[in-house]
Amino acid sequence: YAIDDEEYYEGVRCVGAPIRAGGKIVAALSITGSVFSMTMERIQDELIDLAVATAKEISSQMKW
């Protein structure tokens, strides 16, 4: 996973996770929101796990 802590846009944070197929990264999933709704505590406590689990589920459905 990766975290963008206002590195691209001020006031915006993102959590991203890779989607894999055939052993390769073919896409990515991102959860994006304002710093007010995506506190670093919420990212660490909730959103990293959500992004990674969702990306793994999507990856498991890829048939490439």
N, C-alpha and C. Protein backbone atom coordinates (compact mmCIF):
# COMPACT_ATOMS: atom_id res chain seq x y z
N TYR A 1 0.83 -1.17 0.00
CA TYR A 1 0.00 0.00 0.00
C TYR A 1 0.87 1.24 0.00
N ALA A 2 0.25 2.36 -0.30
CA ALA A 2 0.95 3.64 -0.27
C ALA A 2 0.01 4.70 0.30
N ILE A 3 0.58 5.66 0.96
CA ILE A 3 -0.19 6.78 1.51
C ILE A 3 0.31 8.06 0.88
N ASP A 4 -0.61 8.90 0.45
CA ASP A 4 -0.30 10.24 -0.04
C ASP A 4 -0.85 11.20 1.02
N ASP A 5 0.04 11.83 1.77
CA ASP A 5 -0.36 12.74 2.84
C ASP A 5 -0.16 14.17 2.37
N GLU A 6 -1.10 14.65 1.57
CA GLU A 6 -1.08 16.01 1.03
C GLU A 6 0.14 16.27 0.15
N GLU A 7 0.70 15.23 -0.44
CA GLU A 7 1.90 15.39 -1.26
C GLU A 7 1.58 15.92 -2.65
N TYR A 8 0.38 15.64 -3.14
CA TYR A 8 0.02 16.08 -4.49
C TYR A 8 -0.89 17.31 -4.42
N TYR A 9 -1.91 17.23 -3.56
CA TYR A 9 -2.82 18.36 -3.36
C TYR A 9 -2.92 18.67 -1.87
N GLU A 10 -2.82 19.93 -1.52
CA GLU A 10 -2.98 20.33 -0.14
C GLU A 10 -4.41 20.05 0.31
N GLY A 11 -4.55 19.44 1.47
CA GLY A 11 -5.87 19.15 2.02
C GLY A 11 -6.46 17.83 1.59
N VAL A 12 -5.70 17.04 0.82
CA VAL A 12 -6.20 15.76 0.31
C VAL A 12 -5.23 14.64 0.69
N ARG A 13 -5.80 13.54 1.19
CA ARG A 13 -5.01 12.34 1.49
C ARG A 13 -5.56 11.16 0.72
N CYS A 14 -4.69 10.21 0.41
CA CYS A 14 -5.08 9.01 -0.33
C CYS A 14 -4.38 7.79 0.27
N VAL A 15 -5.06 6.66 0.13
CA VAL A 15 -4.46 5.36 0.43
C VAL A 15 -4.64 4.53 -0.83
N GLY A 16 -3.58 3.93 -1.32
CA GLY A 16 -3.66 3.12 -2.53
C GLY A 16 -3.12 1.72 -2.30
N ALA A 17 -3.64 0.78 -3.07
CA ALA A 17 -3.18 -0.61 -3.01
C ALA A 17 -3.20 -1.19 -4.42
N PRO A 18 -2.23 -2.05 -4.73
CA PRO A 18 -2.14 -2.62 -6.08
C PRO A 18 -3.15 -3.73 -6.32
N ILE A 19 -3.61 -3.80 -7.56
CA ILE A 19 -4.44 -4.91 -8.03
C ILE A 19 -3.56 -5.72 -8.96
N ARG A 20 -3.47 -7.01 -8.68
CA ARG A 20 -2.55 -7.88 -9.42
C ARG A 20 -3.30 -8.92 -10.24
N ALA A 21 -2.67 -9.30 -11.34
CA ALA A 21 -3.18 -10.40 -12.18
C ALA A 21 -1.97 -11.02 -12.87
N GLY A 22 -1.91 -12.32 -12.86
CA GLY A 22 -0.81 -13.00 -13.52
C GLY A 22 0.55 -12.63 -12.94
N GLY A 23 0.59 -12.31 -11.65
CA GLY A 23 1.85 -11.96 -11.00
C GLY A 23 2.33 -10.55 -11.26
N LYS A 24 1.51 -9.75 -11.93
CA LYS A 24 1.90 -8.38 -12.26
C LYS A 24 0.87 -7.40 -11.70
N ILE A 25 1.32 -6.20 -11.42
CA ILE A 25 0.39 -5.14 -11.04
C ILE A 25 -0.25 -4.61 -12.31
N VAL A 26 -1.58 -4.68 -12.38
CA VAL A 26 -2.30 -4.26 -13.59
C VAL A 26 -3.20 -3.05 -13.35
N ALA A 27 -3.40 -2.70 -12.09
CA ALA A 27 -4.26 -1.56 -11.76
C ALA A 27 -4.00 -1.20 -10.30
N ALA A 28 -4.69 -0.19 -9.84
CA ALA A 28 -4.58 0.21 -8.44
C ALA A 28 -5.93 0.69 -7.95
N LEU A 29 -6.12 0.56 -6.67
CA LEU A 29 -7.33 1.04 -6.01
C LEU A 29 -6.91 2.18 -5.10
N SER A 30 -7.69 3.25 -5.08
CA SER A 30 -7.35 4.39 -4.24
C SER A 30 -8.57 4.84 -3.46
N ILE A 31 -8.36 5.14 -2.20
CA ILE A 31 -9.37 5.78 -1.36
C ILE A 31 -8.85 7.19 -1.12
N THR A 32 -9.63 8.18 -1.51
CA THR A 32 -9.19 9.57 -1.46
C THR A 32 -10.22 10.41 -0.72
N GLY A 33 -9.74 11.35 0.08
CA GLY A 33 -10.65 12.23 0.78
C GLY A 33 -9.92 13.42 1.38
N SER A 34 -10.69 14.29 1.98
CA SER A 34 -10.10 15.47 2.61
C SER A 34 -9.38 15.09 3.89
N VAL A 35 -8.47 15.94 4.31
CA VAL A 35 -7.75 15.69 5.56
C VAL A 35 -8.70 15.67 6.75
N PHE A 36 -9.88 16.27 6.60
CA PHE A 36 -10.85 16.29 7.69
C PHE A 36 -11.54 14.94 7.85
N SER A 37 -11.82 14.28 6.73
CA SER A 37 -12.48 12.96 6.80
C SER A 37 -11.49 11.82 6.85
N MET A 38 -10.27 12.07 6.40
CA MET A 38 -9.23 11.03 6.38
C MET A 38 -8.08 11.45 7.28
N THR A 39 -8.32 11.36 8.57
CA THR A 39 -7.24 11.65 9.51
C THR A 39 -6.19 10.55 9.41
N MET A 40 -4.97 10.85 9.81
CA MET A 40 -3.92 9.82 9.78
C MET A 40 -4.29 8.66 10.71
N GLU A 41 -4.96 8.96 11.81
CA GLU A 41 -5.41 7.90 12.71
C GLU A 41 -6.40 6.98 12.00
N ARG A 42 -7.36 7.54 11.29
CA ARG A 42 -8.34 6.72 10.56
C ARG A 42 -7.65 5.91 9.46
N ILE A 43 -6.71 6.53 8.77
CA ILE A 43 -5.97 5.81 7.74
C ILE A 43 -5.28 4.59 8.34
N GLN A 44 -4.56 4.79 9.45
CA GLN A 44 -3.82 3.70 10.08
C GLN A 44 -4.76 2.64 10.68
N ASP A 45 -5.85 3.08 11.30
CA ASP A 45 -6.75 2.16 12.01
C ASP A 45 -7.73 1.43 11.12
N GLU A 46 -8.07 2.01 9.97
CA GLU A 46 -9.18 1.48 9.18
C GLU A 46 -8.91 1.39 7.68
N LEU A 47 -8.42 2.45 7.09
CA LEU A 47 -8.43 2.54 5.63
C LEU A 47 -7.33 1.75 4.94
N ILE A 48 -6.18 1.58 5.59
CA ILE A 48 -5.14 0.73 4.99
C ILE A 48 -5.67 -0.69 4.84
N ASP A 49 -6.22 -1.23 5.92
CA ASP A 49 -6.76 -2.60 5.87
C ASP A 49 -7.87 -2.72 4.84
N LEU A 50 -8.74 -1.71 4.76
CA LEU A 50 -9.84 -1.74 3.80
C LEU A 50 -9.31 -1.72 2.37
N ALA A 51 -8.36 -0.85 2.08
CA ALA A 51 -7.81 -0.77 0.73
C ALA A 51 -7.11 -2.06 0.33
N VAL A 52 -6.28 -2.60 1.22
CA VAL A 52 -5.54 -3.82 0.91
C VAL A 52 -6.48 -5.00 0.73
N ALA A 53 -7.46 -5.15 1.62
CA ALA A 53 -8.41 -6.26 1.52
C ALA A 53 -9.24 -6.17 0.24
N THR A 54 -9.68 -4.97 -0.10
CA THR A 54 -10.48 -4.80 -1.31
C THR A 54 -9.65 -5.07 -2.56
N ALA A 55 -8.41 -4.59 -2.58
CA ALA A 55 -7.53 -4.85 -3.72
C ALA A 55 -7.25 -6.35 -3.86
N LYS A 56 -7.06 -7.05 -2.75
CA LYS A 56 -6.84 -8.50 -2.81
C LYS A 56 -8.07 -9.22 -3.35
N GLU A 57 -9.25 -8.78 -2.93
CA GLU A 57 -10.50 -9.40 -3.42
C GLU A 57 -10.65 -9.18 -4.92
N ILE A 58 -10.41 -7.97 -5.38
CA ILE A 58 -10.48 -7.70 -6.82
C ILE A 58 -9.43 -8.53 -7.56
N SER A 59 -8.22 -8.58 -7.02
CA SER A 59 -7.15 -9.36 -7.64
C SER A 59 -7.53 -10.82 -7.79
N SER A 60 -8.21 -11.36 -6.79
CA SER A 60 -8.59 -12.78 -6.83
C SER A 60 -9.62 -13.06 -7.93
N GLN A 61 -10.31 -12.03 -8.38
CA GLN A 61 -11.32 -12.18 -9.43
C GLN A 61 -10.75 -11.97 -10.83
N MET A 62 -9.52 -11.48 -10.91
CA MET A 62 -8.90 -11.21 -12.21
C MET A 62 -8.53 -12.53 -12.87
N LYS A 63 -8.85 -12.68 -14.13
CA LYS A 63 -8.62 -13.94 -14.86
C LYS A 63 -7.57 -13.80 -15.95
N TRP A 64 -6.71 -12.82 -15.88
CA TRP A 64 -5.71 -12.61 -16.93
C TRP A 64 -4.63 -13.62 -16.83
